Amino acid sequence: MPSSEEIMTWNFEDPANSEKPEPFRHALQEIHNRIKMFVTLKTRNTSA
């Protein structure tokens, strides 16, 4: 039986162990971008 529930996983580098400059800002930006993409895709799929 198909389920309407979806499970998504996103892997992010641990900012506490990152060598990048401003690692927490970078992680937050990655999360923001993925949520924005997810919402855009879900909005398109439900309006069609």
N, C-alpha and C. Protein backbone atom coordinates (compact mmCIF):
# COMPACT_ATOMS: atom_id res chain seq x y z
N MET A 1 0.84 -1.17 0.00
CA MET A 1 0.00 0.00 0.00
C MET A 1 0.89 1.25 0.00
N PRO A 2 0.75 2.13 -0.98
CA PRO A 2 1.55 3.35 -1.03
C PRO A 2 1.23 4.28 0.14
N SER A 3 2.21 5.00 0.54
CA SER A 3 2.05 5.94 1.65
C SER A 3 2.23 7.36 1.14
N SER A 4 1.50 8.28 1.72
CA SER A 4 1.66 9.69 1.34
C SER A 4 2.83 10.33 2.09
N GLU A 5 3.41 9.57 2.98
CA GLU A 5 4.54 10.06 3.76
C GLU A 5 5.83 9.95 2.97
N GLU A 6 6.65 10.97 3.03
CA GLU A 6 7.94 10.96 2.36
C GLU A 6 9.03 11.13 3.40
N ILE A 7 10.13 10.46 3.16
CA ILE A 7 11.29 10.61 4.04
C ILE A 7 12.44 11.10 3.19
N MET A 8 13.05 12.18 3.65
CA MET A 8 14.20 12.74 2.95
C MET A 8 15.34 12.85 3.95
N THR A 9 16.52 12.60 3.49
CA THR A 9 17.69 12.80 4.33
C THR A 9 18.69 13.68 3.59
N TRP A 10 19.27 14.58 4.31
CA TRP A 10 20.28 15.46 3.76
C TRP A 10 21.51 15.36 4.63
N ASN A 11 22.63 15.14 4.03
CA ASN A 11 23.88 15.08 4.77
C ASN A 11 24.58 16.42 4.68
N PHE A 12 24.98 16.91 5.83
CA PHE A 12 25.71 18.16 5.91
C PHE A 12 27.01 17.93 6.67
N GLU A 13 28.02 18.65 6.25
CA GLU A 13 29.28 18.61 6.98
C GLU A 13 29.07 19.22 8.36
N ASP A 14 29.63 18.62 9.38
CA ASP A 14 29.53 19.13 10.74
C ASP A 14 30.31 20.45 10.83
N PRO A 15 29.64 21.56 11.07
CA PRO A 15 30.35 22.83 11.10
C PRO A 15 31.39 22.91 12.22
N ALA A 16 31.20 22.17 13.28
CA ALA A 16 32.17 22.19 14.38
C ALA A 16 33.51 21.60 13.97
N ASN A 17 33.50 20.74 12.96
CA ASN A 17 34.73 20.09 12.50
C ASN A 17 35.20 20.60 11.14
N SER A 18 34.57 21.63 10.64
CA SER A 18 34.86 22.12 9.30
C SER A 18 36.11 23.00 9.28
N GLU A 19 36.78 22.95 8.14
CA GLU A 19 37.95 23.81 7.90
C GLU A 19 37.57 25.07 7.13
N LYS A 20 36.31 25.16 6.69
CA LYS A 20 35.85 26.30 5.89
C LYS A 20 35.75 27.56 6.75
N PRO A 21 35.93 28.73 6.12
CA PRO A 21 35.69 29.96 6.87
C PRO A 21 34.20 30.10 7.17
N GLU A 22 33.86 30.56 8.34
CA GLU A 22 32.48 30.72 8.78
C GLU A 22 31.64 29.46 8.55
N PRO A 23 32.04 28.35 9.16
CA PRO A 23 31.38 27.07 8.88
C PRO A 23 29.90 27.03 9.27
N PHE A 24 29.52 27.70 10.35
CA PHE A 24 28.11 27.66 10.75
C PHE A 24 27.24 28.46 9.79
N ARG A 25 27.75 29.57 9.29
CA ARG A 25 27.02 30.35 8.29
C ARG A 25 26.86 29.52 7.01
N HIS A 26 27.90 28.80 6.62
CA HIS A 26 27.86 27.96 5.43
C HIS A 26 26.81 26.84 5.59
N ALA A 27 26.81 26.18 6.75
CA ALA A 27 25.84 25.11 7.00
C ALA A 27 24.42 25.65 6.98
N LEU A 28 24.20 26.81 7.60
CA LEU A 28 22.87 27.42 7.60
C LEU A 28 22.42 27.76 6.18
N GLN A 29 23.34 28.26 5.36
CA GLN A 29 23.01 28.59 3.97
C GLN A 29 22.64 27.33 3.18
N GLU A 30 23.37 26.24 3.40
CA GLU A 30 23.05 24.97 2.73
C GLU A 30 21.66 24.48 3.12
N ILE A 31 21.34 24.55 4.40
CA ILE A 31 20.02 24.12 4.87
C ILE A 31 18.94 25.01 4.24
N HIS A 32 19.15 26.29 4.25
CA HIS A 32 18.20 27.24 3.65
C HIS A 32 17.96 26.92 2.18
N ASN A 33 19.03 26.69 1.43
CA ASN A 33 18.90 26.40 0.00
C ASN A 33 18.12 25.12 -0.25
N ARG A 34 18.36 24.10 0.54
CA ARG A 34 17.66 22.83 0.33
C ARG A 34 16.19 22.93 0.70
N ILE A 35 15.89 23.64 1.77
CA ILE A 35 14.47 23.82 2.14
C ILE A 35 13.76 24.63 1.07
N LYS A 36 14.39 25.67 0.58
CA LYS A 36 13.81 26.48 -0.49
C LYS A 36 13.53 25.64 -1.73
N MET A 37 14.49 24.79 -2.11
CA MET A 37 14.30 23.90 -3.26
C MET A 37 13.16 22.92 -3.01
N PHE A 38 13.10 22.35 -1.82
CA PHE A 38 12.05 21.40 -1.47
C PHE A 38 10.68 22.06 -1.56
N VAL A 39 10.54 23.24 -0.98
CA VAL A 39 9.25 23.93 -1.00
C VAL A 39 8.85 24.28 -2.42
N THR A 40 9.80 24.71 -3.23
CA THR A 40 9.51 25.04 -4.63
C THR A 40 9.01 23.81 -5.39
N LEU A 41 9.68 22.69 -5.21
CA LEU A 41 9.26 21.46 -5.89
C LEU A 41 7.90 20.98 -5.42
N LYS A 42 7.66 21.02 -4.12
CA LYS A 42 6.38 20.57 -3.60
C LYS A 42 5.25 21.48 -4.05
N THR A 43 5.51 22.77 -4.14
CA THR A 43 4.49 23.72 -4.58
C THR A 43 4.14 23.47 -6.04
N ARG A 44 5.14 23.22 -6.86
CA ARG A 44 4.90 22.93 -8.28
C ARG A 44 4.11 21.64 -8.44
N ASN A 45 4.45 20.61 -7.68
CA ASN A 45 3.78 19.31 -7.81
C ASN A 45 2.33 19.37 -7.36
N THR A 46 2.01 20.16 -6.38
CA THR A 46 0.62 20.21 -5.89
C THR A 46 -0.25 21.14 -6.72
N SER A 47 0.36 22.08 -7.45
CA SER A 47 -0.44 23.00 -8.26
C SER A 47 -0.73 22.46 -9.66
N ALA A 48 -0.09 21.35 -10.03
CA ALA A 48 -0.28 20.80 -11.38
C ALA A 48 -1.51 19.94 -11.46
